[in-house]
Amino acid sequence: ISGEPRDLLFMRESIPADATWTVAGVGRYEFPMITMGILMGGHVRVG
């Protein structure tokens, strides 16, 4: 899947409410995706 905002929303809305989640964006998607993940209440991966 790509690293656009709609994609992260789609993924987040597809998991159970009691699940925790982390987002990792590859290459140029890293910091846009983690910024969105932080705002959405998820967790983040960088490296």
ModelCIF file with pLDDT and N, C-alpha, C, O atoms, coordinates in Angstrom:
data_MODEL
#
_entry.id   MODEL 
#
_entity.id                         1 
_entity.type                       polymer 
_entity.pdbx_number_of_molecules   1 
#
_entity_poly.entity_id                      1 
_entity_poly.type                           'polypeptide(L)' 
_entity_poly.nstd_linkage                   no 
_entity_poly.nstd_monomer                   no 
_entity_poly.pdbx_seq_one_letter_code       ISGEPRDLLFMRESIPADATWTVAGVGRYEFPMITMGILMGGHVRVG 
_entity_poly.pdbx_seq_one_letter_code_can   ISGEPRDLLFMRESIPADATWTVAGVGRYEFPMITMGILMGGHVRVG 
_entity_poly.pdbx_strand_id                 A 
#
loop_
_entity_poly_seq.entity_id 
_entity_poly_seq.num 
_entity_poly_seq.mon_id 
_entity_poly_seq.hetero 
1 1  ILE n 
1 2  SER n 
1 3  GLY n 
1 4  GLU n 
1 5  PRO n 
1 6  ARG n 
1 7  ASP n 
1 8  LEU n 
1 9  LEU n 
1 10 PHE n 
1 11 MET n 
1 12 ARG n 
1 13 GLU n 
1 14 SER n 
1 15 ILE n 
1 16 PRO n 
1 17 ALA n 
1 18 ASP n 
1 19 ALA n 
1 20 THR n 
1 21 TRP n 
1 22 THR n 
1 23 VAL n 
1 24 ALA n 
1 25 GLY n 
1 26 VAL n 
1 27 GLY n 
1 28 ARG n 
1 29 TYR n 
1 30 GLU n 
1 31 PHE n 
1 32 PRO n 
1 33 MET n 
1 34 ILE n 
1 35 THR n 
1 36 MET n 
1 37 GLY n 
1 38 ILE n 
1 39 LEU n 
1 40 MET n 
1 41 GLY n 
1 42 GLY n 
1 43 HIS n 
1 44 VAL n 
1 45 ARG n 
1 46 VAL n 
1 47 GLY n 
#
_struct_asym.id          A 
_struct_asym.entity_id   1 
#
loop_
_ma_qa_metric.id 
_ma_qa_metric.mode 
_ma_qa_metric.name 
_ma_qa_metric.software_group_id 
_ma_qa_metric.type 
1 global pLDDT . pLDDT 
2 local  pLDDT . pLDDT 
#
_ma_qa_metric_global.metric_id      1 
_ma_qa_metric_global.metric_value   97.62 
_ma_qa_metric_global.model_id       1 
_ma_qa_metric_global.ordinal_id     1 
#
loop_
_ma_qa_metric_local.label_asym_id 
_ma_qa_metric_local.label_comp_id 
_ma_qa_metric_local.label_seq_id 
_ma_qa_metric_local.metric_id 
_ma_qa_metric_local.metric_value 
_ma_qa_metric_local.model_id 
_ma_qa_metric_local.ordinal_id 
A ILE 1  2 97.00 1 1  
A SER 2  2 97.00 1 2  
A GLY 3  2 97.00 1 3  
A GLU 4  2 96.00 1 4  
A PRO 5  2 96.00 1 5  
A ARG 6  2 97.00 1 6  
A ASP 7  2 98.00 1 7  
A LEU 8  2 98.00 1 8  
A LEU 9  2 98.00 1 9  
A PHE 10 2 98.00 1 10 
A MET 11 2 98.00 1 11 
A ARG 12 2 98.00 1 12 
A GLU 13 2 98.00 1 13 
A SER 14 2 98.00 1 14 
A ILE 15 2 98.00 1 15 
A PRO 16 2 97.00 1 16 
A ALA 17 2 96.00 1 17 
A ASP 18 2 96.00 1 18 
A ALA 19 2 98.00 1 19 
A THR 20 2 98.00 1 20 
A TRP 21 2 98.00 1 21 
A THR 22 2 98.00 1 22 
A VAL 23 2 98.00 1 23 
A ALA 24 2 98.00 1 24 
A GLY 25 2 98.00 1 25 
A VAL 26 2 97.00 1 26 
A GLY 27 2 97.00 1 27 
A ARG 28 2 96.00 1 28 
A TYR 29 2 98.00 1 29 
A GLU 30 2 98.00 1 30 
A PHE 31 2 98.00 1 31 
A PRO 32 2 98.00 1 32 
A MET 33 2 98.00 1 33 
A ILE 34 2 98.00 1 34 
A THR 35 2 98.00 1 35 
A MET 36 2 98.00 1 36 
A GLY 37 2 98.00 1 37 
A ILE 38 2 98.00 1 38 
A LEU 39 2 98.00 1 39 
A MET 40 2 98.00 1 40 
A GLY 41 2 97.00 1 41 
A GLY 42 2 98.00 1 42 
A HIS 43 2 98.00 1 43 
A VAL 44 2 98.00 1 44 
A ARG 45 2 98.00 1 45 
A VAL 46 2 98.00 1 46 
A GLY 47 2 98.00 1 47 
#
loop_
_atom_site.group_PDB 
_atom_site.id 
_atom_site.type_symbol 
_atom_site.label_atom_id 
_atom_site.label_alt_id 
_atom_site.label_comp_id 
_atom_site.label_asym_id 
_atom_site.label_entity_id 
_atom_site.label_seq_id 
_atom_site.pdbx_PDB_ins_code 
_atom_site.Cartn_x 
_atom_site.Cartn_y 
_atom_site.Cartn_z 
_atom_site.occupancy 
_atom_site.B_iso_or_equiv 
_atom_site.pdbx_formal_charge 
_atom_site.auth_seq_id 
_atom_site.auth_comp_id 
_atom_site.auth_asym_id 
_atom_site.auth_atom_id 
_atom_site.pdbx_PDB_model_num 
ATOM 1   N N  . ILE A 1 1  ? 0.846   -1.194 0.000  1.00 97.00 ? 1  ILE A N  1 
ATOM 2   C CA . ILE A 1 1  ? 0.000   0.000  0.000  1.00 97.00 ? 1  ILE A CA 1 
ATOM 3   C C  . ILE A 1 1  ? 0.882   1.245  0.000  1.00 97.00 ? 1  ILE A C  1 
ATOM 4   O O  . ILE A 1 1  ? 1.992   1.223  0.532  1.00 97.00 ? 1  ILE A O  1 
ATOM 5   N N  . SER A 1 2  ? 0.394   2.320  -0.590 1.00 97.00 ? 2  SER A N  1 
ATOM 6   C CA . SER A 1 2  ? 1.144   3.561  -0.647 1.00 97.00 ? 2  SER A CA 1 
ATOM 7   C C  . SER A 1 2  ? 1.138   4.246  0.721  1.00 97.00 ? 2  SER A C  1 
ATOM 8   O O  . SER A 1 2  ? 0.589   3.711  1.684  1.00 97.00 ? 2  SER A O  1 
ATOM 9   N N  . GLY A 1 3  ? 1.744   5.417  0.802  1.00 97.00 ? 3  GLY A N  1 
ATOM 10  C CA . GLY A 1 3  ? 1.872   6.125  2.067  1.00 97.00 ? 3  GLY A CA 1 
ATOM 11  C C  . GLY A 1 3  ? 1.155   7.455  2.056  1.00 97.00 ? 3  GLY A C  1 
ATOM 12  O O  . GLY A 1 3  ? 1.691   8.468  2.507  1.00 97.00 ? 3  GLY A O  1 
ATOM 13  N N  . GLU A 1 4  ? -0.048  7.449  1.543  1.00 96.00 ? 4  GLU A N  1 
ATOM 14  C CA . GLU A 1 4  ? -0.855  8.677  1.528  1.00 96.00 ? 4  GLU A CA 1 
ATOM 15  C C  . GLU A 1 4  ? -1.774  8.697  2.747  1.00 96.00 ? 4  GLU A C  1 
ATOM 16  O O  . GLU A 1 4  ? -2.071  7.640  3.304  1.00 96.00 ? 4  GLU A O  1 
ATOM 17  N N  . PRO A 1 5  ? -2.233  9.881  3.174  1.00 96.00 ? 5  PRO A N  1 
ATOM 18  C CA . PRO A 1 5  ? -3.105  9.957  4.346  1.00 96.00 ? 5  PRO A CA 1 
ATOM 19  C C  . PRO A 1 5  ? -4.327  9.048  4.267  1.00 96.00 ? 5  PRO A C  1 
ATOM 20  O O  . PRO A 1 5  ? -4.700  8.419  5.258  1.00 96.00 ? 5  PRO A O  1 
ATOM 21  N N  . ARG A 1 6  ? -4.960  8.976  3.077  1.00 97.00 ? 6  ARG A N  1 
ATOM 22  C CA . ARG A 1 6  ? -6.150  8.127  2.947  1.00 97.00 ? 6  ARG A CA 1 
ATOM 23  C C  . ARG A 1 6  ? -5.819  6.670  3.237  1.00 97.00 ? 6  ARG A C  1 
ATOM 24  O O  . ARG A 1 6  ? -6.654  5.930  3.755  1.00 97.00 ? 6  ARG A O  1 
ATOM 25  N N  . ASP A 1 7  ? -4.585  6.255  2.898  1.00 98.00 ? 7  ASP A N  1 
ATOM 26  C CA . ASP A 1 7  ? -4.183  4.865  3.081  1.00 98.00 ? 7  ASP A CA 1 
ATOM 27  C C  . ASP A 1 7  ? -4.052  4.524  4.559  1.00 98.00 ? 7  ASP A C  1 
ATOM 28  O O  . ASP A 1 7  ? -4.485  3.455  4.991  1.00 98.00 ? 7  ASP A O  1 
ATOM 29  N N  . LEU A 1 8  ? -3.453  5.430  5.342  1.00 98.00 ? 8  LEU A N  1 
ATOM 30  C CA . LEU A 1 8  ? -3.315  5.179  6.764  1.00 98.00 ? 8  LEU A CA 1 
ATOM 31  C C  . LEU A 1 8  ? -4.679  5.173  7.443  1.00 98.00 ? 8  LEU A C  1 
ATOM 32  O O  . LEU A 1 8  ? -4.929  4.343  8.317  1.00 98.00 ? 8  LEU A O  1 
ATOM 33  N N  . LEU A 1 9  ? -5.562  6.088  7.053  1.00 98.00 ? 9  LEU A N  1 
ATOM 34  C CA . LEU A 1 9  ? -6.921  6.082  7.608  1.00 98.00 ? 9  LEU A CA 1 
ATOM 35  C C  . LEU A 1 9  ? -7.623  4.759  7.315  1.00 98.00 ? 9  LEU A C  1 
ATOM 36  O O  . LEU A 1 9  ? -8.282  4.192  8.186  1.00 98.00 ? 9  LEU A O  1 
ATOM 37  N N  . PHE A 1 10 ? -7.479  4.277  6.096  1.00 98.00 ? 10 PHE A N  1 
ATOM 38  C CA . PHE A 1 10 ? -8.093  3.011  5.679  1.00 98.00 ? 10 PHE A CA 1 
ATOM 39  C C  . PHE A 1 10 ? -7.572  1.847  6.521  1.00 98.00 ? 10 PHE A C  1 
ATOM 40  O O  . PHE A 1 10 ? -8.346  1.003  6.974  1.00 98.00 ? 10 PHE A O  1 
ATOM 41  N N  . MET A 1 11 ? -6.266  1.810  6.725  1.00 98.00 ? 11 MET A N  1 
ATOM 42  C CA . MET A 1 11 ? -5.673  0.734  7.509  1.00 98.00 ? 11 MET A CA 1 
ATOM 43  C C  . MET A 1 11 ? -6.135  0.812  8.968  1.00 98.00 ? 11 MET A C  1 
ATOM 44  O O  . MET A 1 11 ? -6.530  -0.196 9.555  1.00 98.00 ? 11 MET A O  1 
ATOM 45  N N  . ARG A 1 12 ? -6.084  2.004  9.541  1.00 98.00 ? 12 ARG A N  1 
ATOM 46  C CA . ARG A 1 12 ? -6.488  2.166  10.941 1.00 98.00 ? 12 ARG A CA 1 
ATOM 47  C C  . ARG A 1 12 ? -7.946  1.777  11.146 1.00 98.00 ? 12 ARG A C  1 
ATOM 48  O O  . ARG A 1 12 ? -8.281  1.165  12.160 1.00 98.00 ? 12 ARG A O  1 
ATOM 49  N N  . GLU A 1 13 ? -8.805  2.116  10.216 1.00 98.00 ? 13 GLU A N  1 
ATOM 50  C CA . GLU A 1 13 ? -10.229 1.816  10.364 1.00 98.00 ? 13 GLU A CA 1 
ATOM 51  C C  . GLU A 1 13 ? -10.545 0.344  10.114 1.00 98.00 ? 13 GLU A C  1 
ATOM 52  O O  . GLU A 1 13 ? -11.686 -0.083 10.288 1.00 98.00 ? 13 GLU A O  1 
ATOM 53  N N  . SER A 1 14 ? -9.541  -0.431 9.709  1.00 98.00 ? 14 SER A N  1 
ATOM 54  C CA . SER A 1 14 ? -9.757  -1.841 9.378  1.00 98.00 ? 14 SER A CA 1 
ATOM 55  C C  . SER A 1 14 ? -9.382  -2.789 10.511 1.00 98.00 ? 14 SER A C  1 
ATOM 56  O O  . SER A 1 14 ? -9.547  -4.000 10.372 1.00 98.00 ? 14 SER A O  1 
ATOM 57  N N  . ILE A 1 15 ? -8.879  -2.263 11.637 1.00 98.00 ? 15 ILE A N  1 
ATOM 58  C CA . ILE A 1 15 ? -8.459  -3.128 12.744 1.00 98.00 ? 15 ILE A CA 1 
ATOM 59  C C  . ILE A 1 15 ? -9.416  -2.974 13.924 1.00 98.00 ? 15 ILE A C  1 
ATOM 60  O O  . ILE A 1 15 ? -10.148 -1.987 13.998 1.00 98.00 ? 15 ILE A O  1 
ATOM 61  N N  . PRO A 1 16 ? -9.419  -3.936 14.845 1.00 97.00 ? 16 PRO A N  1 
ATOM 62  C CA . PRO A 1 16 ? -10.329 -3.858 15.993 1.00 97.00 ? 16 PRO A CA 1 
ATOM 63  C C  . PRO A 1 16 ? -10.061 -2.647 16.870 1.00 97.00 ? 16 PRO A C  1 
ATOM 64  O O  . PRO A 1 16 ? -8.947  -2.126 16.916 1.00 97.00 ? 16 PRO A O  1 
ATOM 65  N N  . ALA A 1 17 ? -11.108 -2.210 17.566 1.00 96.00 ? 17 ALA A N  1 
ATOM 66  C CA . ALA A 1 17 ? -10.991 -1.026 18.412 1.00 96.00 ? 17 ALA A CA 1 
ATOM 67  C C  . ALA A 1 17 ? -10.004 -1.222 19.551 1.00 96.00 ? 17 ALA A C  1 
ATOM 68  O O  . ALA A 1 17 ? -9.391  -0.260 20.013 1.00 96.00 ? 17 ALA A O  1 
ATOM 69  N N  . ASP A 1 18 ? -9.843  -2.466 20.010 1.00 96.00 ? 18 ASP A N  1 
ATOM 70  C CA . ASP A 1 18 ? -8.946  -2.692 21.140 1.00 96.00 ? 18 ASP A CA 1 
ATOM 71  C C  . ASP A 1 18 ? -7.507  -2.976 20.720 1.00 96.00 ? 18 ASP A C  1 
ATOM 72  O O  . ASP A 1 18 ? -6.652  -3.231 21.569 1.00 96.00 ? 18 ASP A O  1 
ATOM 73  N N  . ALA A 1 19 ? -7.235  -2.933 19.421 1.00 98.00 ? 19 ALA A N  1 
ATOM 74  C CA . ALA A 1 19 ? -5.877  -3.188 18.935 1.00 98.00 ? 19 ALA A CA 1 
ATOM 75  C C  . ALA A 1 19 ? -5.018  -1.939 19.064 1.00 98.00 ? 19 ALA A C  1 
ATOM 76  O O  . ALA A 1 19 ? -5.515  -0.819 18.946 1.00 98.00 ? 19 ALA A O  1 
ATOM 77  N N  . THR A 1 20 ? -3.732  -2.136 19.308 1.00 98.00 ? 20 THR A N  1 
ATOM 78  C CA . THR A 1 20 ? -2.774  -1.047 19.224 1.00 98.00 ? 20 THR A CA 1 
ATOM 79  C C  . THR A 1 20 ? -2.089  -1.109 17.865 1.00 98.00 ? 20 THR A C  1 
ATOM 80  O O  . THR A 1 20 ? -2.099  -2.144 17.199 1.00 98.00 ? 20 THR A O  1 
ATOM 81  N N  . TRP A 1 21 ? -1.494  0.012  17.461 1.00 98.00 ? 21 TRP A N  1 
ATOM 82  C CA . TRP A 1 21 ? -0.867  0.032  16.141 1.00 98.00 ? 21 TRP A CA 1 
ATOM 83  C C  . TRP A 1 21 ? 0.284   1.024  16.079 1.00 98.00 ? 21 TRP A C  1 
ATOM 84  O O  . TRP A 1 21 ? 0.332   2.031  16.785 1.00 98.00 ? 21 TRP A O  1 
ATOM 85  N N  . THR A 1 22 ? 1.202   0.678  15.194 1.00 98.00 ? 22 THR A N  1 
ATOM 86  C CA . THR A 1 22 ? 2.372   1.500  14.874 1.00 98.00 ? 22 THR A CA 1 
ATOM 87  C C  . THR A 1 22 ? 2.353   1.746  13.374 1.00 98.00 ? 22 THR A C  1 
ATOM 88  O O  . THR A 1 22 ? 1.889   0.901  12.609 1.00 98.00 ? 22 THR A O  1 
ATOM 89  N N  . VAL A 1 23 ? 2.853   2.893  12.954 1.00 98.00 ? 23 VAL A N  1 
ATOM 90  C CA . VAL A 1 23 ? 2.985   3.143  11.519 1.00 98.00 ? 23 VAL A CA 1 
ATOM 91  C C  . VAL A 1 23 ? 4.449   3.374  11.171 1.00 98.00 ? 23 VAL A C  1 
ATOM 92  O O  . VAL A 1 23 ? 5.175   4.076  11.876 1.00 98.00 ? 23 VAL A O  1 
ATOM 93  N N  . ALA A 1 24 ? 4.861   2.761  10.059 1.00 98.00 ? 24 ALA A N  1 
ATOM 94  C CA . ALA A 1 24 ? 6.211   2.928  9.523  1.00 98.00 ? 24 ALA A CA 1 
ATOM 95  C C  . ALA A 1 24 ? 6.091   3.366  8.075  1.00 98.00 ? 24 ALA A C  1 
ATOM 96  O O  . ALA A 1 24 ? 5.491   2.661  7.264  1.00 98.00 ? 24 ALA A O  1 
ATOM 97  N N  . GLY A 1 25 ? 6.647   4.510  7.743  1.00 98.00 ? 25 GLY A N  1 
ATOM 98  C CA . GLY A 1 25 ? 6.644   4.977  6.357  1.00 98.00 ? 25 GLY A CA 1 
ATOM 99  C C  . GLY A 1 25 ? 8.014   4.750  5.741  1.00 98.00 ? 25 GLY A C  1 
ATOM 100 O O  . GLY A 1 25 ? 9.035   5.084  6.342  1.00 98.00 ? 25 GLY A O  1 
ATOM 101 N N  . VAL A 1 26 ? 8.033   4.190  4.556  1.00 97.00 ? 26 VAL A N  1 
ATOM 102 C CA . VAL A 1 26 ? 9.292   3.872  3.893  1.00 97.00 ? 26 VAL A CA 1 
ATOM 103 C C  . VAL A 1 26 ? 9.758   5.056  3.042  1.00 97.00 ? 26 VAL A C  1 
ATOM 104 O O  . VAL A 1 26 ? 8.965   5.670  2.327  1.00 97.00 ? 26 VAL A O  1 
ATOM 105 N N  . GLY A 1 27 ? 11.065  5.368  3.131  1.00 97.00 ? 27 GLY A N  1 
ATOM 106 C CA . GLY A 1 27 ? 11.626  6.452  2.322  1.00 97.00 ? 27 GLY A CA 1 
ATOM 107 C C  . GLY A 1 27 ? 10.971  7.782  2.630  1.00 97.00 ? 27 GLY A C  1 
ATOM 108 O O  . GLY A 1 27 ? 10.860  8.183  3.788  1.00 97.00 ? 27 GLY A O  1 
ATOM 109 N N  . ARG A 1 28 ? 10.537  8.464  1.575  1.00 96.00 ? 28 ARG A N  1 
ATOM 110 C CA . ARG A 1 28 ? 9.967   9.809  1.743  1.00 96.00 ? 28 ARG A CA 1 
ATOM 111 C C  . ARG A 1 28 ? 8.663   9.814  2.525  1.00 96.00 ? 28 ARG A C  1 
ATOM 112 O O  . ARG A 1 28 ? 8.199   10.872 2.951  1.00 96.00 ? 28 ARG A O  1 
ATOM 113 N N  . TYR A 1 29 ? 8.069   8.641  2.715  1.00 98.00 ? 29 TYR A N  1 
ATOM 114 C CA . TYR A 1 29 ? 6.815   8.569  3.467  1.00 98.00 ? 29 TYR A CA 1 
ATOM 115 C C  . TYR A 1 29 ? 7.018   8.538  4.982  1.00 98.00 ? 29 TYR A C  1 
ATOM 116 O O  . TYR A 1 29 ? 6.054   8.648  5.740  1.00 98.00 ? 29 TYR A O  1 
ATOM 117 N N  . GLU A 1 30 ? 8.281   8.387  5.430  1.00 98.00 ? 30 GLU A N  1 
ATOM 118 C CA . GLU A 1 30 ? 8.495   8.160  6.859  1.00 98.00 ? 30 GLU A CA 1 
ATOM 119 C C  . GLU A 1 30 ? 7.906   9.268  7.727  1.00 98.00 ? 30 GLU A C  1 
ATOM 120 O O  . GLU A 1 30 ? 7.049   9.001  8.570  1.00 98.00 ? 30 GLU A O  1 
ATOM 121 N N  . PHE A 1 31 ? 8.346   10.481 7.535  1.00 98.00 ? 31 PHE A N  1 
ATOM 122 C CA . PHE A 1 31 ? 7.914   11.533 8.455  1.00 98.00 ? 31 PHE A CA 1 
ATOM 123 C C  . PHE A 1 31 ? 6.473   11.997 8.221  1.00 98.00 ? 31 PHE A C  1 
ATOM 124 O O  . PHE A 1 31 ? 5.797   12.305 9.203  1.00 98.00 ? 31 PHE A O  1 
ATOM 125 N N  . PRO A 1 32 ? 5.959   12.067 6.991  1.00 98.00 ? 32 PRO A N  1 
ATOM 126 C CA . PRO A 1 32 ? 4.530   12.327 6.846  1.00 98.00 ? 32 PRO A CA 1 
ATOM 127 C C  . PRO A 1 32 ? 3.655   11.289 7.539  1.00 98.00 ? 32 PRO A C  1 
ATOM 128 O O  . PRO A 1 32 ? 2.657   11.637 8.170  1.00 98.00 ? 32 PRO A O  1 
ATOM 129 N N  . MET A 1 33 ? 4.027   10.010 7.424  1.00 98.00 ? 33 MET A N  1 
ATOM 130 C CA . MET A 1 33 ? 3.211   8.957  8.033  1.00 98.00 ? 33 MET A CA 1 
ATOM 131 C C  . MET A 1 33 ? 3.300   8.980  9.554  1.00 98.00 ? 33 MET A C  1 
ATOM 132 O O  . MET A 1 33 ? 2.290   8.797  10.233 1.00 98.00 ? 33 MET A O  1 
ATOM 133 N N  . ILE A 1 34 ? 4.511   9.206  10.106 1.00 98.00 ? 34 ILE A N  1 
ATOM 134 C CA . ILE A 1 34 ? 4.568   9.205  11.563 1.00 98.00 ? 34 ILE A CA 1 
ATOM 135 C C  . ILE A 1 34 ? 3.881   10.437 12.143 1.00 98.00 ? 34 ILE A C  1 
ATOM 136 O O  . ILE A 1 34 ? 3.322   10.376 13.239 1.00 98.00 ? 34 ILE A O  1 
ATOM 137 N N  . THR A 1 35 ? 3.917   11.554 11.419 1.00 98.00 ? 35 THR A N  1 
ATOM 138 C CA . THR A 1 35 ? 3.207   12.751 11.891 1.00 98.00 ? 35 THR A CA 1 
ATOM 139 C C  . THR A 1 35 ? 1.712   12.475 11.970 1.00 98.00 ? 35 THR A C  1 
ATOM 140 O O  . THR A 1 35 ? 1.053   12.832 12.946 1.00 98.00 ? 35 THR A O  1 
ATOM 141 N N  . MET A 1 36 ? 1.193   11.843 10.942 1.00 98.00 ? 36 MET A N  1 
ATOM 142 C CA . MET A 1 36 ? -0.228  11.496 10.937 1.00 98.00 ? 36 MET A CA 1 
ATOM 143 C C  . MET A 1 36 ? -0.538  10.472 12.021 1.00 98.00 ? 36 MET A C  1 
ATOM 144 O O  . MET A 1 36 ? -1.563  10.563 12.696 1.00 98.00 ? 36 MET A O  1 
ATOM 145 N N  . GLY A 1 37 ? 0.361   9.489  12.184 1.00 98.00 ? 37 GLY A N  1 
ATOM 146 C CA . GLY A 1 37 ? 0.157   8.488  13.224 1.00 98.00 ? 37 GLY A CA 1 
ATOM 147 C C  . GLY A 1 37 ? 0.121   9.090  14.615 1.00 98.00 ? 37 GLY A C  1 
ATOM 148 O O  . GLY A 1 37 ? -0.690  8.687  15.449 1.00 98.00 ? 37 GLY A O  1 
ATOM 149 N N  . ILE A 1 38 ? 0.997   10.054 14.870 1.00 98.00 ? 38 ILE A N  1 
ATOM 150 C CA . ILE A 1 38 ? 1.016   10.737 16.166 1.00 98.00 ? 38 ILE A CA 1 
ATOM 151 C C  . ILE A 1 38 ? -0.315  11.441 16.407 1.00 98.00 ? 38 ILE A C  1 
ATOM 152 O O  . ILE A 1 38 ? -0.877  11.349 17.498 1.00 98.00 ? 38 ILE A O  1 
ATOM 153 N N  . LEU A 1 39 ? -0.813  12.134 15.410 1.00 98.00 ? 39 LEU A N  1 
ATOM 154 C CA . LEU A 1 39 ? -2.075  12.858 15.533 1.00 98.00 ? 39 LEU A CA 1 
ATOM 155 C C  . LEU A 1 39 ? -3.261  11.924 15.741 1.00 98.00 ? 39 LEU A C  1 
ATOM 156 O O  . LEU A 1 39 ? -4.220  12.275 16.428 1.00 98.00 ? 39 LEU A O  1 
ATOM 157 N N  . MET A 1 40 ? -3.195  10.733 15.146 1.00 98.00 ? 40 MET A N  1 
ATOM 158 C CA . MET A 1 40 ? -4.303  9.778  15.212 1.00 98.00 ? 40 MET A CA 1 
ATOM 159 C C  . MET A 1 40 ? -4.271  8.915  16.470 1.00 98.00 ? 40 MET A C  1 
ATOM 160 O O  . MET A 1 40 ? -5.169  8.101  16.683 1.00 98.00 ? 40 MET A O  1 
ATOM 161 N N  . GLY A 1 41 ? -3.243  9.084  17.307 1.00 97.00 ? 41 GLY A N  1 
ATOM 162 C CA . GLY A 1 41 ? -3.181  8.318  18.538 1.00 97.00 ? 41 GLY A CA 1 
ATOM 163 C C  . GLY A 1 41 ? -2.476  6.984  18.418 1.00 97.00 ? 41 GLY A C  1 
ATOM 164 O O  . GLY A 1 41 ? -2.523  6.172  19.342 1.00 97.00 ? 41 GLY A O  1 
ATOM 165 N N  . GLY A 1 42 ? -1.814  6.743  17.276 1.00 98.00 ? 42 GLY A N  1 
ATOM 166 C CA . GLY A 1 42 ? -1.052  5.514  17.110 1.00 98.00 ? 42 GLY A CA 1 
ATOM 167 C C  . GLY A 1 42 ? 0.366   5.665  17.621 1.00 98.00 ? 42 GLY A C  1 
ATOM 168 O O  . GLY A 1 42 ? 0.699   6.632  18.308 1.00 98.00 ? 42 GLY A O  1 
ATOM 169 N N  . HIS A 1 43 ? 1.186   4.706  17.278 1.00 98.00 ? 43 HIS A N  1 
ATOM 170 C CA . HIS A 1 43 ? 2.603   4.717  17.645 1.00 98.00 ? 43 HIS A CA 1 
ATOM 171 C C  . HIS A 1 43 ? 3.423   4.730  16.361 1.00 98.00 ? 43 HIS A C  1 
ATOM 172 O O  . HIS A 1 43 ? 2.867   4.573  15.273 1.00 98.00 ? 43 HIS A O  1 
ATOM 173 N N  . VAL A 1 44 ? 4.743   4.915  16.472 1.00 98.00 ? 44 VAL A N  1 
ATOM 174 C CA . VAL A 1 44 ? 5.523   5.167  15.261 1.00 98.00 ? 44 VAL A CA 1 
ATOM 175 C C  . VAL A 1 44 ? 6.832   4.387  15.244 1.00 98.00 ? 44 VAL A C  1 
ATOM 176 O O  . VAL A 1 44 ? 7.379   4.012  16.281 1.00 98.00 ? 44 VAL A O  1 
ATOM 177 N N  . ARG A 1 45 ? 7.313   4.157  14.018 1.00 98.00 ? 45 ARG A N  1 
ATOM 178 C CA . ARG A 1 45 ? 8.606   3.503  13.810 1.00 98.00 ? 45 ARG A CA 1 
ATOM 179 C C  . ARG A 1 45 ? 9.434   4.342  12.847 1.00 98.00 ? 45 ARG A C  1 
ATOM 180 O O  . ARG A 1 45 ? 8.944   4.789  11.810 1.00 98.00 ? 45 ARG A O  1 
ATOM 181 N N  . VAL A 1 46 ? 10.699  4.546  13.210 1.00 98.00 ? 46 VAL A N  1 
ATOM 182 C CA . VAL A 1 46 ? 11.654  5.213  12.333 1.00 98.00 ? 46 VAL A CA 1 
ATOM 183 C C  . VAL A 1 46 ? 12.968  4.433  12.392 1.00 98.00 ? 46 VAL A C  1 
ATOM 184 O O  . VAL A 1 46 ? 13.173  3.614  13.289 1.00 98.00 ? 46 VAL A O  1 
ATOM 185 N N  . GLY A 1 47 ? 13.844  4.691  11.440 1.00 98.00 ? 47 GLY A N  1 
ATOM 186 C CA . GLY A 1 47 ? 15.148  4.045  11.467 1.00 98.00 ? 47 GLY A CA 1 
ATOM 187 C C  . GLY A 1 47 ? 15.672  3.717  10.091 1.00 98.00 ? 47 GLY A C  1 
ATOM 188 O O  . GLY A 1 47 ? 16.765  3.167  9.961  1.00 98.00 ? 47 GLY A O  1 
#
